[in-house]
Protein backbone atom coordinates (compact mmCIF):
# COMPACT_ATOMS: atom_id res chain seq x y z
CA UNK A 1 143.94 60.33 128.00
CA UNK A 2 140.51 60.16 129.79
CA UNK A 3 140.28 63.87 130.07
CA UNK A 4 140.98 65.70 126.79
CA UNK A 5 138.07 63.21 125.47
CA UNK A 6 136.02 64.52 128.25
CA UNK A 7 136.84 67.99 127.04
CA UNK A 8 136.85 67.35 123.58
CA UNK A 9 132.94 65.73 124.40
CA UNK A 10 132.11 69.06 126.80
CA UNK A 11 133.41 71.54 123.46
CA UNK A 12 131.22 69.24 121.16
CA UNK A 13 127.92 69.37 123.47
CA UNK A 14 128.98 73.82 123.34
CA UNK A 15 128.29 73.43 119.53
CA UNK A 16 124.63 71.60 119.48
CA UNK A 17 123.10 74.85 117.31
CA UNK A 18 119.70 76.20 118.88
CA UNK A 19 117.00 75.65 116.73
CA UNK A 20 115.36 78.62 116.03
CA UNK A 21 111.42 79.20 117.19
CA UNK A 22 108.85 78.61 113.86
CA UNK A 23 105.85 80.77 113.68
CA UNK A 24 102.95 79.12 113.81
CA UNK A 25 100.21 78.90 111.32
CA UNK A 26 97.78 81.48 110.93
CA UNK A 27 94.23 80.85 111.55
CA UNK A 28 91.13 82.88 110.76
CA UNK A 29 90.49 81.88 114.45
CA UNK A 30 93.72 83.65 115.03
CA UNK A 31 93.11 86.30 113.58
CA UNK A 32 89.22 87.39 114.21
CA UNK A 33 89.06 90.50 116.25
CA UNK A 34 89.96 94.16 116.81
CA UNK A 35 93.19 96.21 115.52
CA UNK A 36 94.91 99.35 116.16
CA UNK A 37 97.10 101.35 115.10
CA UNK A 38 101.31 101.23 116.10
CA UNK A 39 103.72 103.58 116.26
CA UNK A 40 104.86 102.23 112.55
CA UNK A 41 102.13 104.09 111.12
CA UNK A 42 102.67 107.30 108.71
CA UNK A 43 99.51 107.09 107.46
CA UNK A 44 97.51 110.31 105.63
CA UNK A 45 94.18 108.70 104.80
CA UNK A 46 91.81 111.66 104.48
CA UNK A 47 91.49 112.40 107.96
CA UNK A 48 88.76 108.47 107.61
CA UNK A 49 90.60 106.70 110.15
CA UNK A 50 91.62 103.76 108.10
CA UNK A 51 94.57 104.19 109.91
CA UNK A 52 93.60 104.06 113.24
CA UNK A 53 91.82 100.86 113.93
CA UNK A 54 89.92 97.82 111.97
CA UNK A 55 88.10 94.70 112.83
CA UNK A 56 88.64 91.25 111.26
CA UNK A 57 85.24 89.19 111.29
CA UNK A 58 83.53 86.21 109.79
CA UNK A 59 79.80 87.16 107.62
CA UNK A 60 78.07 84.43 106.03
CA UNK A 61 81.24 81.97 105.81
CA UNK A 62 83.54 84.80 104.56
CA UNK A 63 86.72 86.80 106.43
CA UNK A 64 86.08 90.44 106.32
CA UNK A 65 88.58 93.55 107.05
CA UNK A 66 86.79 96.06 108.11
CA UNK A 67 89.32 99.19 108.03
CA UNK A 68 87.82 102.31 110.17
CA UNK A 69 85.64 103.49 112.50
CA UNK A 70 82.23 102.96 112.99
CA UNK A 71 81.34 106.46 110.61
CA UNK A 72 83.02 105.68 107.50
CA UNK A 73 84.24 102.38 107.67
CA UNK A 74 85.73 100.67 104.74
CA UNK A 75 85.24 96.63 103.81
CA UNK A 76 87.01 94.05 102.12
CA UNK A 77 87.56 90.83 102.09
CA UNK A 78 90.02 88.42 102.89
CA UNK A 79 91.89 85.77 101.33
CA UNK A 80 94.38 82.77 102.63
CA UNK A 81 97.40 82.94 100.82
CA UNK A 82 100.50 80.71 102.53
CA UNK A 83 101.15 81.52 105.91
CA UNK A 84 99.15 85.41 105.38
CA UNK A 85 95.95 86.71 104.60
CA UNK A 86 95.83 89.11 101.59
CA UNK A 87 93.48 91.55 100.56
CA UNK A 88 93.16 94.43 97.69
CA UNK A 89 90.33 96.71 96.49
CA UNK A 90 89.88 100.09 93.83
CA UNK A 91 87.39 102.05 94.76
CA UNK A 92 85.76 104.61 93.09
CA UNK A 93 85.13 107.92 95.12
CA UNK A 94 84.76 111.50 93.42
CA UNK A 95 84.68 113.91 96.06
CA UNK A 96 84.61 117.47 94.80
CA UNK A 97 85.04 119.35 98.31
CA UNK A 98 88.04 121.19 98.45
CA UNK A 99 90.49 119.29 101.17
CA UNK A 100 88.97 115.92 99.91
CA UNK A 101 90.54 112.81 99.30
CA UNK A 102 89.12 110.27 96.92
CA UNK A 103 89.73 107.22 98.65
CA UNK A 104 90.53 105.06 95.56
CA UNK A 105 92.94 101.98 97.00
CA UNK A 106 93.81 99.53 100.03
CA UNK A 107 95.71 96.47 99.53
CA UNK A 108 98.06 94.71 103.04
CA UNK A 109 98.16 91.70 103.97
CA UNK A 110 97.92 90.13 107.85
CA UNK A 111 100.80 88.15 109.65
CA UNK A 112 101.93 87.38 112.19
CA UNK A 113 104.95 89.77 113.99
CA UNK A 114 106.94 89.06 117.09
CA UNK A 115 106.62 91.14 119.85
CA UNK A 116 108.07 90.32 123.43
CA UNK A 117 108.47 86.89 122.02
CA UNK A 118 104.82 85.98 121.21
CA UNK A 119 103.41 85.76 118.02
CA UNK A 120 100.45 88.36 117.43
CA UNK A 121 98.49 89.11 114.11
CA UNK A 122 99.12 92.19 112.66
CA UNK A 123 97.87 94.35 109.52
CA UNK A 124 100.20 96.31 107.58
CA UNK A 125 98.04 98.47 104.42
CA UNK A 126 98.95 100.41 101.62
CA UNK A 127 96.13 103.54 101.25
CA UNK A 128 96.10 105.20 97.97
CA UNK A 129 94.30 108.64 98.08
CA UNK A 130 94.32 111.08 95.42
CA UNK A 131 93.62 114.94 96.96
CA UNK A 132 92.20 116.37 93.72
CA UNK A 133 91.49 120.20 95.26
CA UNK A 134 93.23 121.53 98.18
CA UNK A 135 91.33 123.25 100.11
CA UNK A 136 94.61 126.05 101.43
CA UNK A 137 98.15 126.63 99.91
CA UNK A 138 100.25 124.38 101.19
CA UNK A 139 97.94 121.40 101.33
CA UNK A 140 97.86 118.11 100.27
CA UNK A 141 97.90 117.59 96.56
CA UNK A 142 97.69 115.20 93.58
CA UNK A 143 98.17 110.97 94.97
CA UNK A 144 99.48 109.80 97.79
CA UNK A 145 100.28 106.51 99.16
CA UNK A 146 100.11 105.61 102.57
CA UNK A 147 101.31 102.38 105.11
CA UNK A 148 99.43 101.74 108.36
CA UNK A 149 100.51 99.43 110.67
CA UNK A 150 97.88 97.99 113.38
CA UNK A 151 98.37 94.85 115.79
CA UNK A 152 95.60 92.96 117.33
CA UNK A 153 94.06 93.72 120.90
């Protein structure tokens, strides 16, 4: 009888559920810094570099997302929504040169993504660009929506 109760006790220990690790709170201190593209990018931004790099900084108490390199950056305000930061912006550009793309809008989210057992701040941004005048036959023409994923360095 003692042996049977020991076996039941041992089996019940194996059935204890393992608690899943919870995602940490996404704070402004956690997201401030430089971000670079990941291998998930499938992005056509009209050769602006918006899909390649980003910087999140705090200026005058506001969190700002700067997409692209220093030659043609796009800056947007971030706002907290639950455990993520979101952004969206519409742009008015009028490029009438062949091959040029007009940036129409960008929207997205800064969130935690688990990479190699670590929670890393990540940006997912959807960029809408219109290519009204293709330079060569076969070039992109019309509106294009691309998604970029950038991870904090």
